[in-house]
Structure formats: C-alpha cells, structure tokens
Amino acid sequence: MAIPESQLETWSNQGAVATAQATHESIRQALAQSARLQQWTYDPYLQGSYRNGTNIRGDSDVDLVVQLESSFGYDVSALNTQEIASFNSVYGSATYGWREFRRDALDALVSYYGPASVKESKCCLKVAGNSGRLPADVVVCLQYRKYLRFRDLSDQSYIEGMRFWTTDGREVINFPTWHYDNGVRKNSDRHTDGLYKPAVRMFKNARSRLQEAGQLSASAAPSYFLECTLYNVPDAQFAGSSQDVYCSVVNWLNQADMSGFVCQNEQLPLFGPTPEQWSLDQARGLVHGLAQLWNGW
C-alpha cells in the first residue's frame, strides 16, 4: 500500500496565518508602549514555522524574536591582528546590553498584558493567548555578528545572527535570518520549483500521524530539526507528485550518512550534544517511522 496522493496533498497545505500576524502586531504594540524601550533601536520579528511558511494546521504557539540593534555581540576570531585593532578603535563597550534589554522587554509585556499572562521560561518569555491572539514564545536577544572582514565601517563583512542567555546562564547563538533566506532559496524555481516548503509541511503532518499512533514520541522530532534535515536533501529529490517526493526523500535519507548535516542556517551542525542540536538516533528513528507509515498505510 501507499499513502494516497490526496492525503499527502492535504498534509502539504499551509495552516492559517492571520492569527499569527495579529499576535505579532500585538507584541509590537506592547513593546512600543514602553518609554524605556523607545530609547533604543530594536527589531521584533516572527521566526519559526509561521515566518518560514511551514506552519501546518494545529500549530499553535507563535515564535517571535525581539532583537536589540543598538548594541551587538560579536566574534572576531577570523580577523587578523590589524583588523581586530581597527574594530576595537571603532567600537567601545556597550552601555545598554542584553540583560537590561530583557528586563525592559519583560516589564513592557507584563505592563501591557498583565502579570498572569506573561511567564518566564528557560529560553524565552511566554505570553498567553486569547480569542484573537495565539500564545507566543518571545526570545529576547541582541544582534550577533560573526565577522569575516573589518577594515573600517565602510569596508566590513559579517554573518548576522542573534545571541541570548538562558536563565541558567548558558549562551545561545543562532542565525534565524539565514534559516529563513536559505529556505526561500531552496523553495525557489531554480532549486525545487516551489516543492520544498510543501514537502516540509507534508512531513511534519506525517510525523504527527506517527506520534498520534504512538509510533514516535512527542519529543522525538521537533519541527525545527525536521525542517533542517529536509534542507540537506538534494534538490533533485523534490520533484514530481507528492507521492514521488515522499518516496524520493525518505529513500535518500534512509541511505544517507546524516552525521554531517547542517542546520538550515548553514552556520551550525545539526547533530551534537547541545540542546540546540538533534540526536542522530532520533533522526534515524524518524526516517524509519516515515518508511513504515508509507508501507503500512
């Protein structure tokens, strides 16, 4: 047996986006009410499945980033001695950093929504939803720059990311804009002819079916890791019908050495020991489950 084309096409459909956009606008308004935050430049933007166009029906929490732009973290390890000296001559120590910014963002959200609706978690601020707004996970961070070159302000090059710390003091660096841009590129006519993002949604729904049937644990295959895994699949596998794509992708992954896979941002390895990385055994378990789902339909 095989999963019917009609079922796969249904799984490929994007979920609703209007409420996510309303949630984003509500968070923006909440932050804009803060007199302290008005003194600084920051950027509140969507990230995750709603921004990337890979959300499916049933996705609830909206992921948002509130990124401080007035100061930034940096990595200048790739620069030579002269470039580091030039960098240090231009930039001094920031007077307003991440800790102050997170405090002010938290105060703004509590003031706007009320203390019962805003909770602190290990990595983000959680804002409860209501009838017109989805629950939101708000990551408060500052801009991060991974420098490739710095001669002066008019001649510099860096990879932009974001940087924050968990409540237990662990530093987290990620590159959500690169994740988004690379997904757009892979979905383009030149690469997968618009079939990449529908495939991500299709496999997210297939994973959910496995979880509902008890064949995969609820925490085994987070959407971010699933999307990153599919990003590593060659463009040629995303061709033909939804059934063609499903079989081509699963067969390729089943034979692939996934140990060298990178995240969709192409800046970080997908597999490893940190909480921001996935387990290779869990990835192989997902691929096995997807094959079983097809064969046992």
C-alpha atoms as a PDB file:
ATOM      1  CA  MET A   1       0.000   0.000   0.000  1.00  0.00           C
ATOM      2  CA  ALA A   2       0.946   3.660  -0.288  1.00  0.00           C
ATOM      3  CA  ILE A   3      -0.215   6.900   1.273  1.00  0.00           C
ATOM      4  CA  PRO A   4      -2.787   8.333  -1.185  1.00  0.00           C
ATOM      5  CA  GLU A   5      -1.804  11.395  -3.193  1.00  0.00           C
ATOM      6  CA  SER A   6      -4.873  13.214  -1.884  1.00  0.00           C
ATOM      7  CA  GLN A   7      -3.754  12.666   1.727  1.00  0.00           C
ATOM      8  CA  LEU A   8      -0.241  13.915   1.015  1.00  0.00           C
ATOM      9  CA  GLU A   9      -1.591  16.979  -0.771  1.00  0.00           C
ATOM     10  CA  THR A  10      -3.769  17.752   2.253  1.00  0.00           C
ATOM     11  CA  TRP A  11      -0.740  17.403   4.504  1.00  0.00           C
ATOM     12  CA  SER A  12       1.173  19.801   2.231  1.00  0.00           C
ATOM     13  CA  ASN A  13      -1.264  22.671   2.796  1.00  0.00           C
ATOM     14  CA  GLN A  14      -0.218  25.617   4.915  1.00  0.00           C
ATOM     15  CA  GLY A  15      -2.086  26.361   8.115  1.00  0.00           C
ATOM     16  CA  ALA A  16      -3.752  29.667   8.948  1.00  0.00           C
ATOM     17  CA  VAL A  17      -1.519  32.725   9.281  1.00  0.00           C
ATOM     18  CA  ALA A  18      -3.868  35.626  10.108  1.00  0.00           C
ATOM     19  CA  THR A  19      -3.901  34.984  13.862  1.00  0.00           C
ATOM     20  CA  ALA A  20      -0.107  34.682  13.920  1.00  0.00           C
ATOM     21  CA  GLN A  21       0.184  38.059  12.209  1.00  0.00           C
ATOM     22  CA  ALA A  22      -2.255  39.549  14.735  1.00  0.00           C
ATOM     23  CA  THR A  23      -0.144  38.101  17.557  1.00  0.00           C
ATOM     24  CA  HIS A  24       2.999  39.644  16.086  1.00  0.00           C
ATOM     25  CA  GLU A  25       1.318  43.050  15.826  1.00  0.00           C
ATOM     26  CA  SER A  26       0.029  42.793  19.398  1.00  0.00           C
ATOM     27  CA  ILE A  27       3.543  42.105  20.736  1.00  0.00           C
ATOM     28  CA  ARG A  28       4.890  45.047  18.734  1.00  0.00           C
ATOM     29  CA  GLN A  29       2.265  47.313  20.260  1.00  0.00           C
ATOM     30  CA  ALA A  30       3.034  46.060  23.761  1.00  0.00           C
ATOM     31  CA  LEU A  31       6.731  46.867  23.366  1.00  0.00           C
ATOM     32  CA  ALA A  32       6.026  50.246  21.769  1.00  0.00           C
ATOM     33  CA  GLN A  33       4.257  51.377  24.942  1.00  0.00           C
ATOM     34  CA  SER A  34       7.499  51.221  26.913  1.00  0.00           C
ATOM     35  CA  ALA A  35       9.215  54.575  27.423  1.00  0.00           C
ATOM     36  CA  ARG A  36      12.481  52.798  28.271  1.00  0.00           C
ATOM     37  CA  LEU A  37      12.469  50.737  25.072  1.00  0.00           C
ATOM     38  CA  GLN A  38      11.728  53.815  22.973  1.00  0.00           C
ATOM     39  CA  GLN A  39      15.271  54.999  23.737  1.00  0.00           C
ATOM     40  CA  TRP A  40      16.799  52.086  21.836  1.00  0.00           C
ATOM     41  CA  THR A  41      16.665  50.529  18.388  1.00  0.00           C
ATOM     42  CA  TYR A  42      15.230  47.009  18.326  1.00  0.00           C
ATOM     43  CA  ASP A  43      13.502  44.716  15.852  1.00  0.00           C
ATOM     44  CA  PRO A  44      10.557  42.472  16.792  1.00  0.00           C
ATOM     45  CA  TYR A  45      10.070  39.826  14.084  1.00  0.00           C
ATOM     46  CA  LEU A  46       8.426  36.477  13.547  1.00  0.00           C
ATOM     47  CA  GLN A  47      10.564  33.378  13.380  1.00  0.00           C
ATOM     48  CA  GLY A  48       9.823  29.658  13.170  1.00  0.00           C
ATOM     49  CA  SER A  49       7.184  27.977  11.057  1.00  0.00           C
ATOM     50  CA  TYR A  50       4.871  30.986  10.709  1.00  0.00           C
ATOM     51  CA  ARG A  51       7.614  33.162   9.269  1.00  0.00           C
ATOM     52  CA  ASN A  52       9.065  30.373   7.143  1.00  0.00           C
ATOM     53  CA  GLY A  53       5.710  29.380   5.634  1.00  0.00           C
ATOM     54  CA  THR A  54       5.964  25.833   7.002  1.00  0.00           C
ATOM     55  CA  ASN A  55       3.220  26.009   9.641  1.00  0.00           C
ATOM     56  CA  ILE A  56       0.549  23.316   9.499  1.00  0.00           C
ATOM     57  CA  ARG A  57      -2.965  23.074  10.823  1.00  0.00           C
ATOM     58  CA  GLY A  58      -2.777  22.590  14.568  1.00  0.00           C
ATOM     59  CA  ASP A  59       0.397  24.653  15.068  1.00  0.00           C
ATOM     60  CA  SER A  60      -0.335  26.985  17.940  1.00  0.00           C
ATOM     61  CA  ASP A  61       2.491  28.882  19.633  1.00  0.00           C
ATOM     62  CA  VAL A  62       3.991  31.729  17.634  1.00  0.00           C
ATOM     63  CA  ASP A  63       7.756  32.205  17.869  1.00  0.00           C
ATOM     64  CA  LEU A  64       8.891  35.812  17.948  1.00  0.00           C
ATOM     65  CA  VAL A  65      12.298  37.416  18.300  1.00  0.00           C
ATOM     66  CA  VAL A  66      12.799  40.810  19.904  1.00  0.00           C
ATOM     67  CA  GLN A  67      16.310  41.771  18.872  1.00  0.00           C
ATOM     68  CA  LEU A  68      18.312  44.695  20.245  1.00  0.00           C
ATOM     69  CA  GLU A  69      20.110  46.549  17.446  1.00  0.00           C
ATOM     70  CA  SER A  70      21.640  49.418  19.451  1.00  0.00           C
ATOM     71  CA  SER A  71      24.405  47.106  20.679  1.00  0.00           C
ATOM     72  CA  PHE A  72      25.612  43.719  19.470  1.00  0.00           C
ATOM     73  CA  GLY A  73      27.646  40.673  20.358  1.00  0.00           C
ATOM     74  CA  TYR A  74      30.437  39.601  18.077  1.00  0.00           C
ATOM     75  CA  ASP A  75      33.037  37.040  17.082  1.00  0.00           C
ATOM     76  CA  VAL A  76      36.223  38.479  15.583  1.00  0.00           C
ATOM     77  CA  SER A  77      38.268  35.280  15.710  1.00  0.00           C
ATOM     78  CA  ALA A  78      38.506  35.143  11.905  1.00  0.00           C
ATOM     79  CA  LEU A  79      40.061  38.628  11.690  1.00  0.00           C
ATOM     80  CA  ASN A  80      43.779  39.324  11.575  1.00  0.00           C
ATOM     81  CA  THR A  81      45.578  41.456  14.161  1.00  0.00           C
ATOM     82  CA  GLN A  82      45.265  44.677  12.149  1.00  0.00           C
ATOM     83  CA  GLU A  83      41.536  44.146  11.555  1.00  0.00           C
ATOM     84  CA  ILE A  84      40.917  43.464  15.249  1.00  0.00           C
ATOM     85  CA  ALA A  85      42.743  46.679  16.113  1.00  0.00           C
ATOM     86  CA  SER A  86      40.594  48.579  13.605  1.00  0.00           C
ATOM     87  CA  PHE A  87      37.457  47.032  15.064  1.00  0.00           C
ATOM     88  CA  ASN A  88      38.441  47.977  18.617  1.00  0.00           C
ATOM     89  CA  SER A  89      39.210  51.540  17.555  1.00  0.00           C
ATOM     90  CA  VAL A  90      35.673  51.939  16.187  1.00  0.00           C
ATOM     91  CA  TYR A  91      33.584  50.137  18.791  1.00  0.00           C
ATOM     92  CA  GLY A  92      33.695  50.540  22.550  1.00  0.00           C
ATOM     93  CA  SER A  93      31.838  48.784  25.338  1.00  0.00           C
ATOM     94  CA  ALA A  94      28.045  48.997  25.208  1.00  0.00           C
ATOM     95  CA  THR A  95      26.265  50.912  27.971  1.00  0.00           C
ATOM     96  CA  TYR A  96      22.993  49.041  27.433  1.00  0.00           C
ATOM     97  CA  GLY A  97      23.191  45.301  26.929  1.00  0.00           C
ATOM     98  CA  TRP A  98      21.118  42.150  26.769  1.00  0.00           C
ATOM     99  CA  ARG A  99      20.291  41.886  30.473  1.00  0.00           C
ATOM    100  CA  GLU A 100      18.910  45.421  30.609  1.00  0.00           C
ATOM    101  CA  PHE A 101      17.035  44.926  27.355  1.00  0.00           C
ATOM    102  CA  ARG A 102      15.460  41.672  28.535  1.00  0.00           C
ATOM    103  CA  ARG A 103      14.400  43.333  31.794  1.00  0.00           C
ATOM    104  CA  ASP A 104      12.762  46.204  29.923  1.00  0.00           C
ATOM    105  CA  ALA A 105      11.054  43.884  27.412  1.00  0.00           C
ATOM    106  CA  LEU A 106       9.674  41.742  30.235  1.00  0.00           C
ATOM    107  CA  ASP A 107       8.390  44.822  32.071  1.00  0.00           C
ATOM    108  CA  ALA A 108       6.726  46.074  28.884  1.00  0.00           C
ATOM    109  CA  LEU A 109       4.915  42.780  28.263  1.00  0.00           C
ATOM    110  CA  VAL A 110       3.777  42.463  31.885  1.00  0.00           C
ATOM    111  CA  SER A 111       2.537  46.055  31.888  1.00  0.00           C
ATOM    112  CA  TYR A 112       0.561  45.526  28.674  1.00  0.00           C
ATOM    113  CA  TYR A 113      -0.867  42.018  29.193  1.00  0.00           C
ATOM    114  CA  GLY A 114      -0.827  41.701  32.982  1.00  0.00           C
ATOM    115  CA  PRO A 115       1.400  39.523  35.193  1.00  0.00           C
ATOM    116  CA  ALA A 116      -0.890  36.493  34.879  1.00  0.00           C
ATOM    117  CA  SER A 117      -0.375  36.404  31.103  1.00  0.00           C
ATOM    118  CA  VAL A 118       3.423  36.605  30.972  1.00  0.00           C
ATOM    119  CA  LYS A 119       5.739  33.899  32.307  1.00  0.00           C
ATOM    120  CA  GLU A 120       9.496  33.474  32.174  1.00  0.00           C
ATOM    121  CA  SER A 121      10.849  30.185  30.834  1.00  0.00           C
ATOM    122  CA  LYS A 122      14.401  28.967  30.382  1.00  0.00           C
ATOM    123  CA  CYS A 123      14.871  30.431  26.908  1.00  0.00           C
ATOM    124  CA  CYS A 124      12.027  32.873  26.323  1.00  0.00           C
ATOM    125  CA  LEU A 125       9.137  34.913  27.679  1.00  0.00           C
ATOM    126  CA  LYS A 126       5.797  33.152  27.263  1.00  0.00           C
ATOM    127  CA  VAL A 127       2.774  35.333  26.524  1.00  0.00           C
ATOM    128  CA  ALA A 128      -0.604  33.640  26.899  1.00  0.00           C
ATOM    129  CA  GLY A 129      -3.074  33.755  24.029  1.00  0.00           C
ATOM    130  CA  ASN A 130      -6.689  34.833  23.932  1.00  0.00           C
ATOM    131  CA  SER A 131      -9.540  34.675  21.433  1.00  0.00           C
ATOM    132  CA  GLY A 132      -7.737  36.890  18.929  1.00  0.00           C
ATOM    133  CA  ARG A 133      -4.143  36.096  19.758  1.00  0.00           C
ATOM    134  CA  LEU A 134      -2.087  32.918  19.780  1.00  0.00           C
ATOM    135  CA  PRO A 135       0.272  32.019  22.640  1.00  0.00           C
ATOM    136  CA  ALA A 136       3.690  33.478  21.903  1.00  0.00           C
ATOM    137  CA  ASP A 137       7.236  32.428  22.786  1.00  0.00           C
ATOM    138  CA  VAL A 138       9.247  35.657  22.762  1.00  0.00           C
ATOM    139  CA  VAL A 139      13.025  35.294  22.553  1.00  0.00           C
ATOM    140  CA  VAL A 140      14.740  38.471  23.729  1.00  0.00           C
ATOM    141  CA  CYS A 141      18.194  38.757  22.206  1.00  0.00           C
ATOM    142  CA  LEU A 142      20.762  41.108  20.804  1.00  0.00           C
ATOM    143  CA  GLN A 143      22.225  41.204  17.333  1.00  0.00           C
ATOM    144  CA  TYR A 144      25.261  38.976  16.865  1.00  0.00           C
ATOM    145  CA  ARG A 145      27.948  39.448  14.229  1.00  0.00           C
ATOM    146  CA  LYS A 146      30.324  36.752  13.055  1.00  0.00           C
ATOM    147  CA  TYR A 147      32.950  38.889  11.354  1.00  0.00           C
ATOM    148  CA  LEU A 148      34.615  37.832   8.129  1.00  0.00           C
ATOM    149  CA  ARG A 149      36.382  41.147   7.424  1.00  0.00           C
ATOM    150  CA  PHE A 150      36.806  44.525   9.115  1.00  0.00           C
ATOM    151  CA  ARG A 151      38.971  47.247   7.654  1.00  0.00           C
ATOM    152  CA  ASP A 152      36.698  50.169   8.602  1.00  0.00           C
ATOM    153  CA  LEU A 153      32.980  50.956   8.808  1.00  0.00           C
ATOM    154  CA  SER A 154      32.728  51.246   5.037  1.00  0.00           C
ATOM    155  CA  ASP A 155      34.622  48.011   4.386  1.00  0.00           C
ATOM    156  CA  GLN A 156      33.395  45.194   6.596  1.00  0.00           C
ATOM    157  CA  SER A 157      31.640  41.863   6.236  1.00  0.00           C
ATOM    158  CA  TYR A 158      29.875  39.706   8.801  1.00  0.00           C
ATOM    159  CA  ILE A 159      27.260  36.999   9.163  1.00  0.00           C
ATOM    160  CA  GLU A 160      24.385  38.297  11.257  1.00  0.00           C
ATOM    161  CA  GLY A 161      22.761  36.176  13.931  1.00  0.00           C
ATOM    162  CA  MET A 162      21.240  36.559  17.366  1.00  0.00           C
ATOM    163  CA  ARG A 163      22.573  35.947  20.865  1.00  0.00           C
ATOM    164  CA  PHE A 164      20.945  35.455  24.251  1.00  0.00           C
ATOM    165  CA  TRP A 165      21.430  33.597  27.517  1.00  0.00           C
ATOM    166  CA  THR A 166      19.182  31.038  29.187  1.00  0.00           C
ATOM    167  CA  THR A 167      18.057  31.508  32.792  1.00  0.00           C
ATOM    168  CA  ASP A 168      20.819  29.127  33.922  1.00  0.00           C
ATOM    169  CA  GLY A 169      23.472  31.258  32.208  1.00  0.00           C
ATOM    170  CA  ARG A 170      24.087  29.263  29.022  1.00  0.00           C
ATOM    171  CA  GLU A 171      24.879  31.314  25.917  1.00  0.00           C
ATOM    172  CA  VAL A 172      22.827  30.569  22.781  1.00  0.00           C
ATOM    173  CA  ILE A 173      23.764  31.810  19.310  1.00  0.00           C
ATOM    174  CA  ASN A 174      21.563  31.212  16.293  1.00  0.00           C
ATOM    175  CA  PHE A 175      21.007  32.576  12.794  1.00  0.00           C
ATOM    176  CA  PRO A 176      17.233  32.808  12.108  1.00  0.00           C
ATOM    177  CA  THR A 177      17.532  35.230   9.185  1.00  0.00           C
ATOM    178  CA  TRP A 178      19.904  32.848   7.401  1.00  0.00           C
ATOM    179  CA  HIS A 179      17.481  29.991   8.133  1.00  0.00           C
ATOM    180  CA  TYR A 180      14.680  31.964   6.506  1.00  0.00           C
ATOM    181  CA  ASP A 181      16.699  33.137   3.487  1.00  0.00           C
ATOM    182  CA  ASN A 182      18.077  29.657   2.768  1.00  0.00           C
ATOM    183  CA  GLY A 183      14.569  28.185   2.949  1.00  0.00           C
ATOM    184  CA  VAL A 184      13.306  30.745   0.447  1.00  0.00           C
ATOM    185  CA  ARG A 185      16.211  29.956  -1.850  1.00  0.00           C
ATOM    186  CA  LYS A 186      15.686  26.186  -1.666  1.00  0.00           C
ATOM    187  CA  ASN A 187      11.975  26.649  -2.377  1.00  0.00           C
ATOM    188  CA  SER A 188      12.650  28.850  -5.423  1.00  0.00           C
ATOM    189  CA  ASP A 189      12.126  27.908  -9.065  1.00  0.00           C
ATOM    190  CA  ARG A 190      15.874  27.429  -9.543  1.00  0.00           C
ATOM    191  CA  HIS A 191      16.086  24.744  -6.857  1.00  0.00           C
ATOM    192  CA  THR A 192      12.888  22.810  -6.049  1.00  0.00           C
ATOM    193  CA  ASP A 193      10.301  24.722  -8.095  1.00  0.00           C
ATOM    194  CA  GLY A 194       8.217  25.554  -5.045  1.00  0.00           C
ATOM    195  CA  LEU A 195       8.069  21.991  -3.706  1.00  0.00           C
ATOM    196  CA  TYR A 196      10.386  22.305  -0.703  1.00  0.00           C
ATOM    197  CA  LYS A 197       8.112  24.085   1.751  1.00  0.00           C
ATOM    198  CA  PRO A 198       5.036  21.979   0.882  1.00  0.00           C
ATOM    199  CA  ALA A 199       7.251  18.924   1.489  1.00  0.00           C
ATOM    200  CA  VAL A 200       8.260  20.242   4.906  1.00  0.00           C
ATOM    201  CA  ARG A 201       4.580  20.633   5.814  1.00  0.00           C
ATOM    202  CA  MET A 202       3.797  17.179   4.422  1.00  0.00           C
ATOM    203  CA  PHE A 203       6.473  15.511   6.518  1.00  0.00           C
ATOM    204  CA  LYS A 204       5.516  17.478   9.623  1.00  0.00           C
ATOM    205  CA  ASN A 205       1.998  16.089   9.302  1.00  0.00           C
ATOM    206  CA  ALA A 206       3.354  12.586   8.647  1.00  0.00           C
ATOM    207  CA  ARG A 207       5.434  12.895  11.818  1.00  0.00           C
ATOM    208  CA  SER A 208       2.336  13.991  13.744  1.00  0.00           C
ATOM    209  CA  ARG A 209       0.472  10.929  12.455  1.00  0.00           C
ATOM    210  CA  LEU A 210       3.272   8.716  13.786  1.00  0.00           C
ATOM    211  CA  GLN A 211       3.106  10.477  17.155  1.00  0.00           C
ATOM    212  CA  GLU A 212      -0.683  10.133  17.362  1.00  0.00           C
ATOM    213  CA  ALA A 213      -0.334   6.412  16.668  1.00  0.00           C
ATOM    214  CA  GLY A 214       2.256   6.039  19.420  1.00  0.00           C
ATOM    215  CA  GLN A 215       4.980   5.061  16.943  1.00  0.00           C
ATOM    216  CA  LEU A 216       7.070   8.145  17.716  1.00  0.00           C
ATOM    217  CA  SER A 217       7.396  10.002  20.998  1.00  0.00           C
ATOM    218  CA  ALA A 218       6.053  13.539  21.207  1.00  0.00           C
ATOM    219  CA  SER A 219       9.524  14.999  21.751  1.00  0.00           C
ATOM    220  CA  ALA A 220      11.475  12.869  19.274  1.00  0.00           C
ATOM    221  CA  ALA A 221      11.223  15.026  16.155  1.00  0.00           C
ATOM    222  CA  PRO A 222      10.790  18.785  16.762  1.00  0.00           C
ATOM    223  CA  SER A 223       9.709  20.721  13.691  1.00  0.00           C
ATOM    224  CA  TYR A 224      12.923  22.754  13.505  1.00  0.00           C
ATOM    225  CA  PHE A 225      15.095  19.641  13.354  1.00  0.00           C
ATOM    226  CA  LEU A 226      12.786  18.005  10.823  1.00  0.00           C
ATOM    227  CA  GLU A 227      12.979  21.041   8.557  1.00  0.00           C
ATOM    228  CA  CYS A 228      16.766  21.192   8.856  1.00  0.00           C
ATOM    229  CA  THR A 229      17.015  17.505   7.951  1.00  0.00           C
ATOM    230  CA  LEU A 230      14.957  18.030   4.799  1.00  0.00           C
ATOM    231  CA  TYR A 231      17.094  21.037   3.884  1.00  0.00           C
ATOM    232  CA  ASN A 232      20.070  18.689   3.498  1.00  0.00           C
ATOM    233  CA  VAL A 233      18.222  16.512   0.969  1.00  0.00           C
ATOM    234  CA  PRO A 234      19.355  17.297  -2.607  1.00  0.00           C
ATOM    235  CA  ASP A 235      17.049  19.489  -4.662  1.00  0.00           C
ATOM    236  CA  ALA A 236      16.543  16.729  -7.242  1.00  0.00           C
ATOM    237  CA  GLN A 237      14.543  14.655  -4.733  1.00  0.00           C
ATOM    238  CA  PHE A 238      11.840  17.346  -4.631  1.00  0.00           C
ATOM    239  CA  ALA A 239      10.223  16.629  -7.986  1.00  0.00           C
ATOM    240  CA  GLY A 240       7.015  15.107  -9.348  1.00  0.00           C
ATOM    241  CA  SER A 241       3.896  14.302  -7.376  1.00  0.00           C
ATOM    242  CA  SER A 242       3.613  14.414  -3.589  1.00  0.00           C
ATOM    243  CA  GLN A 243       3.986  10.619  -3.596  1.00  0.00           C
ATOM    244  CA  ASP A 244       7.149  10.947  -5.686  1.00  0.00           C
ATOM    245  CA  VAL A 245       8.602  13.496  -3.269  1.00  0.00           C
ATOM    246  CA  TYR A 246       7.720  11.423  -0.200  1.00  0.00           C
ATOM    247  CA  CYS A 247       9.369   8.277  -1.567  1.00  0.00           C
ATOM    248  CA  SER A 248      12.410  10.043  -3.030  1.00  0.00           C
ATOM    249  CA  VAL A 249      13.157  11.953   0.153  1.00  0.00           C
ATOM    250  CA  VAL A 250      12.673   9.007   2.523  1.00  0.00           C
ATOM    251  CA  ASN A 251      14.683   6.639   0.320  1.00  0.00           C
ATOM    252  CA  TRP A 252      17.517   9.153   0.039  1.00  0.00           C
ATOM    253  CA  LEU A 253      17.583   9.799   3.796  1.00  0.00           C
ATOM    254  CA  ASN A 254      17.488   6.075   4.514  1.00  0.00           C
ATOM    255  CA  GLN A 255      20.763   5.619   2.634  1.00  0.00           C
ATOM    256  CA  ALA A 256      22.440   8.902   3.564  1.00  0.00           C
ATOM    257  CA  ASP A 257      25.198   9.497   6.093  1.00  0.00           C
ATOM    258  CA  MET A 258      23.376  12.184   8.081  1.00  0.00           C
ATOM    259  CA  SER A 259      26.185  12.809  10.566  1.00  0.00           C
ATOM    260  CA  GLY A 260      27.496  15.786   8.598  1.00  0.00           C
ATOM    261  CA  PHE A 261      24.143  17.527   8.145  1.00  0.00           C
ATOM    262  CA  VAL A 262      23.970  21.244   8.889  1.00  0.00           C
ATOM    263  CA  CYS A 263      21.126  23.379  10.164  1.00  0.00           C
ATOM    264  CA  GLN A 264      19.191  25.302   7.529  1.00  0.00           C
ATOM    265  CA  ASN A 265      21.137  28.425   8.503  1.00  0.00           C
ATOM    266  CA  GLU A 266      24.299  26.620   7.243  1.00  0.00           C
ATOM    267  CA  GLN A 267      26.226  28.027  10.208  1.00  0.00           C
ATOM    268  CA  LEU A 268      25.797  25.230  12.761  1.00  0.00           C
ATOM    269  CA  PRO A 269      25.941  21.402  12.667  1.00  0.00           C
ATOM    270  CA  LEU A 270      22.520  19.785  13.060  1.00  0.00           C
ATOM    271  CA  PHE A 271      23.642  16.928  15.302  1.00  0.00           C
ATOM    272  CA  GLY A 272      25.529  17.277  18.547  1.00  0.00           C
ATOM    273  CA  PRO A 273      25.354  17.408  22.350  1.00  0.00           C
ATOM    274  CA  THR A 274      23.814  20.847  22.957  1.00  0.00           C
ATOM    275  CA  PRO A 275      20.069  21.458  23.482  1.00  0.00           C
ATOM    276  CA  GLU A 276      20.050  23.349  20.160  1.00  0.00           C
ATOM    277  CA  GLN A 277      21.171  20.196  18.318  1.00  0.00           C
ATOM    278  CA  TRP A 278      19.418  16.945  17.486  1.00  0.00           C
ATOM    279  CA  SER A 279      20.179  13.289  18.170  1.00  0.00           C
ATOM    280  CA  LEU A 280      21.286  11.224  15.180  1.00  0.00           C
ATOM    281  CA  ASP A 281      19.449   8.198  16.615  1.00  0.00           C
ATOM    282  CA  GLN A 282      16.209  10.192  16.774  1.00  0.00           C
ATOM    283  CA  ALA A 283      16.664  11.333  13.180  1.00  0.00           C
ATOM    284  CA  ARG A 284      17.153   7.751  12.023  1.00  0.00           C
ATOM    285  CA  GLY A 285      14.114   6.715  14.055  1.00  0.00           C
ATOM    286  CA  LEU A 286      12.036   9.343  12.276  1.00  0.00           C
ATOM    287  CA  VAL A 287      13.175   8.176   8.838  1.00  0.00           C
ATOM    288  CA  HIS A 288      12.372   4.578   9.783  1.00  0.00           C
ATOM    289  CA  GLY A 289       8.937   5.641  11.001  1.00  0.00           C
ATOM    290  CA  LEU A 290       8.204   7.552   7.794  1.00  0.00           C
ATOM    291  CA  ALA A 291       9.063   4.449   5.743  1.00  0.00           C
ATOM    292  CA  GLN A 292       6.824   2.289   7.926  1.00  0.00           C
ATOM    293  CA  LEU A 293       3.993   4.786   7.597  1.00  0.00           C
ATOM    294  CA  TRP A 294       4.176   4.508   3.805  1.00  0.00           C
ATOM    295  CA  ASN A 295       4.456   0.726   3.738  1.00  0.00           C
ATOM    296  CA  GLY A 296       1.731   0.130   6.293  1.00  0.00           C
ATOM    297  CA  TRP A 297      -0.927   2.529   5.032  1.00  0.00           C
END
